[in-house]
């Protein structure tokens, strides 16, 4: 969970860190939700951020279902 959190965009991490998580799945879902909100607002222009966690999420779900 710490590695995932440290890899988050700073804007997303600021919101996600305020939540309490027991499982990484919930942390991932919250990060995705925050990312979508920031994109809707148009307030995220991260430097060095090359993509979305949405693609990672679908791969993660495939691993869980396997």
N, C-alpha and C. Protein backbone atom coordinates (compact mmCIF):
# COMPACT_ATOMS: atom_id res chain seq x y z
N UNK A 1 0.83 -1.18 0.00
CA UNK A 1 0.00 0.00 0.00
C UNK A 1 0.88 1.25 0.00
N UNK A 2 1.96 1.20 0.74
CA UNK A 2 2.85 2.36 0.80
C UNK A 2 3.50 2.63 -0.55
N UNK A 3 3.88 1.59 -1.25
CA UNK A 3 4.49 1.77 -2.57
C UNK A 3 3.49 2.37 -3.55
N UNK A 4 2.26 1.89 -3.52
CA UNK A 4 1.23 2.44 -4.38
C UNK A 4 1.00 3.91 -4.05
N UNK A 5 0.86 4.22 -2.77
CA UNK A 5 0.62 5.59 -2.34
C UNK A 5 1.75 6.52 -2.76
N UNK A 6 2.99 6.07 -2.61
CA UNK A 6 4.13 6.91 -2.98
C UNK A 6 4.22 7.16 -4.48
N UNK A 7 3.61 6.29 -5.28
CA UNK A 7 3.62 6.46 -6.73
C UNK A 7 2.49 7.33 -7.25
N UNK A 8 1.58 7.73 -6.38
CA UNK A 8 0.44 8.54 -6.81
C UNK A 8 0.85 9.97 -7.12
N UNK A 9 0.11 10.58 -8.02
CA UNK A 9 0.23 12.00 -8.30
C UNK A 9 -0.02 12.74 -6.99
N UNK A 10 0.71 13.80 -6.74
CA UNK A 10 0.61 14.52 -5.47
C UNK A 10 -0.80 15.03 -5.18
N UNK A 11 -1.50 15.51 -6.21
CA UNK A 11 -2.87 16.01 -6.02
C UNK A 11 -3.79 14.89 -5.56
N UNK A 12 -3.62 13.72 -6.13
CA UNK A 12 -4.44 12.57 -5.76
C UNK A 12 -4.05 12.07 -4.37
N UNK A 13 -2.76 11.98 -4.12
CA UNK A 13 -2.27 11.49 -2.83
C UNK A 13 -2.74 12.37 -1.68
N UNK A 14 -2.85 13.67 -1.89
CA UNK A 14 -3.31 14.57 -0.83
C UNK A 14 -4.72 14.23 -0.37
N UNK A 15 -5.56 13.79 -1.29
CA UNK A 15 -6.94 13.43 -0.93
C UNK A 15 -6.98 12.01 -0.37
N UNK A 16 -6.28 11.09 -1.02
CA UNK A 16 -6.32 9.69 -0.61
C UNK A 16 -5.75 9.50 0.79
N UNK A 17 -4.75 10.27 1.16
CA UNK A 17 -4.11 10.08 2.47
C UNK A 17 -5.05 10.43 3.63
N UNK A 18 -6.11 11.14 3.36
CA UNK A 18 -7.06 11.51 4.41
C UNK A 18 -8.03 10.37 4.75
N UNK A 19 -8.02 9.32 3.95
CA UNK A 19 -8.92 8.19 4.15
C UNK A 19 -8.21 7.07 4.89
N UNK A 20 -9.01 6.23 5.52
CA UNK A 20 -8.47 5.06 6.23
C UNK A 20 -8.77 3.82 5.40
N UNK A 21 -7.75 3.02 5.12
CA UNK A 21 -7.91 1.83 4.29
C UNK A 21 -7.36 0.61 4.98
N UNK A 22 -8.07 -0.49 4.82
CA UNK A 22 -7.61 -1.77 5.34
C UNK A 22 -7.07 -2.61 4.19
N UNK A 23 -7.68 -2.46 2.99
CA UNK A 23 -7.27 -3.22 1.83
C UNK A 23 -6.86 -2.29 0.70
N UNK A 24 -5.89 -2.72 -0.09
CA UNK A 24 -5.38 -1.89 -1.17
C UNK A 24 -6.43 -1.65 -2.24
N UNK A 25 -7.37 -2.58 -2.41
CA UNK A 25 -8.40 -2.41 -3.43
C UNK A 25 -9.19 -1.12 -3.21
N UNK A 26 -9.51 -0.83 -1.96
CA UNK A 26 -10.26 0.39 -1.64
C UNK A 26 -9.42 1.63 -1.88
N UNK A 27 -8.14 1.53 -1.60
CA UNK A 27 -7.23 2.66 -1.84
C UNK A 27 -7.15 2.94 -3.35
N UNK A 28 -7.07 1.89 -4.14
CA UNK A 28 -7.01 2.05 -5.59
C UNK A 28 -8.29 2.68 -6.12
N UNK A 29 -9.43 2.18 -5.66
CA UNK A 29 -10.71 2.72 -6.12
C UNK A 29 -10.85 4.20 -5.75
N UNK A 30 -10.39 4.58 -4.56
CA UNK A 30 -10.46 5.98 -4.15
C UNK A 30 -9.54 6.83 -5.02
N UNK A 31 -8.35 6.34 -5.33
CA UNK A 31 -7.43 7.08 -6.18
C UNK A 31 -8.03 7.29 -7.56
N UNK A 32 -8.69 6.28 -8.08
CA UNK A 32 -9.34 6.40 -9.39
C UNK A 32 -10.46 7.42 -9.33
N UNK A 33 -11.24 7.37 -8.28
CA UNK A 33 -12.36 8.31 -8.11
C UNK A 33 -11.85 9.74 -8.03
N UNK A 34 -10.79 9.96 -7.27
CA UNK A 34 -10.21 11.31 -7.13
C UNK A 34 -9.64 11.78 -8.46
N UNK A 35 -8.98 10.88 -9.18
CA UNK A 35 -8.41 11.23 -10.48
C UNK A 35 -9.50 11.69 -11.44
N UNK A 36 -10.63 10.97 -11.46
CA UNK A 36 -11.75 11.36 -12.33
C UNK A 36 -12.29 12.73 -11.95
N UNK A 37 -12.41 12.99 -10.65
CA UNK A 37 -12.91 14.29 -10.18
C UNK A 37 -11.97 15.41 -10.60
N UNK A 38 -10.68 15.19 -10.45
CA UNK A 38 -9.72 16.22 -10.81
C UNK A 38 -9.74 16.48 -12.32
N UNK A 39 -9.91 15.43 -13.09
CA UNK A 39 -9.98 15.62 -14.55
C UNK A 39 -11.23 16.39 -14.94
N UNK A 40 -12.35 16.10 -14.27
CA UNK A 40 -13.58 16.83 -14.56
C UNK A 40 -13.42 18.32 -14.25
N UNK A 41 -12.74 18.60 -13.17
CA UNK A 41 -12.51 19.99 -12.77
C UNK A 41 -11.45 20.65 -13.64
N UNK A 42 -10.63 19.84 -14.30
CA UNK A 42 -9.56 20.37 -15.13
C UNK A 42 -8.43 20.98 -14.34
N UNK A 43 -8.31 20.56 -13.08
CA UNK A 43 -7.29 21.16 -12.22
C UNK A 43 -6.04 20.32 -12.10
N UNK A 44 -5.94 19.24 -12.84
CA UNK A 44 -4.75 18.41 -12.69
C UNK A 44 -3.89 18.49 -13.95
N UNK A 45 -2.67 18.96 -13.76
CA UNK A 45 -1.67 18.98 -14.82
C UNK A 45 -0.37 18.48 -14.23
N UNK A 46 -0.37 17.19 -13.88
CA UNK A 46 0.80 16.65 -13.20
C UNK A 46 2.03 16.59 -14.09
N UNK A 47 3.14 16.87 -13.49
CA UNK A 47 4.41 16.75 -14.23
C UNK A 47 4.98 15.36 -13.99
N UNK A 48 5.43 14.74 -15.06
CA UNK A 48 6.00 13.42 -14.93
C UNK A 48 4.98 12.31 -14.80
N UNK A 49 3.74 12.63 -14.95
CA UNK A 49 2.67 11.64 -14.83
C UNK A 49 2.27 11.22 -16.23
N UNK A 50 2.53 9.96 -16.58
CA UNK A 50 2.39 9.55 -17.97
C UNK A 50 1.10 8.84 -18.30
N UNK A 51 0.24 8.61 -17.33
CA UNK A 51 -0.98 7.89 -17.68
C UNK A 51 -1.98 7.86 -16.57
N UNK A 52 -2.97 7.03 -16.77
CA UNK A 52 -4.07 6.91 -15.83
C UNK A 52 -3.96 5.61 -15.07
N UNK A 53 -4.57 5.57 -13.91
CA UNK A 53 -4.64 4.33 -13.16
C UNK A 53 -5.78 3.46 -13.66
N UNK A 54 -6.58 3.96 -14.58
CA UNK A 54 -7.72 3.20 -15.07
C UNK A 54 -7.27 1.93 -15.77
N UNK A 55 -6.23 1.98 -16.58
CA UNK A 55 -5.71 0.79 -17.23
C UNK A 55 -5.15 -0.19 -16.23
N UNK A 56 -4.51 0.32 -15.20
CA UNK A 56 -3.94 -0.52 -14.16
C UNK A 56 -5.05 -1.22 -13.39
N UNK A 57 -6.15 -0.51 -13.19
CA UNK A 57 -7.28 -1.06 -12.44
C UNK A 57 -7.83 -2.30 -13.14
N UNK A 58 -8.01 -2.23 -14.45
CA UNK A 58 -8.58 -3.37 -15.16
C UNK A 58 -7.65 -4.58 -15.08
N UNK A 59 -6.34 -4.37 -15.16
CA UNK A 59 -5.39 -5.46 -15.00
C UNK A 59 -5.42 -6.03 -13.60
N UNK A 60 -5.60 -5.17 -12.62
CA UNK A 60 -5.66 -5.59 -11.23
C UNK A 60 -6.88 -6.46 -10.99
N UNK A 61 -8.00 -6.07 -11.56
CA UNK A 61 -9.23 -6.85 -11.40
C UNK A 61 -9.09 -8.23 -12.04
N UNK A 62 -8.39 -8.30 -13.17
CA UNK A 62 -8.17 -9.60 -13.81
C UNK A 62 -7.38 -10.51 -12.88
N UNK A 63 -6.40 -9.95 -12.17
CA UNK A 63 -5.60 -10.76 -11.24
C UNK A 63 -6.46 -11.25 -10.07
N UNK A 64 -7.34 -10.40 -9.59
CA UNK A 64 -8.21 -10.77 -8.46
C UNK A 64 -9.15 -11.91 -8.88
N UNK A 65 -9.70 -11.82 -10.08
CA UNK A 65 -10.65 -12.81 -10.54
C UNK A 65 -9.99 -14.13 -10.92
N UNK A 66 -8.69 -14.12 -11.15
CA UNK A 66 -7.99 -15.35 -11.57
C UNK A 66 -7.79 -16.31 -10.41
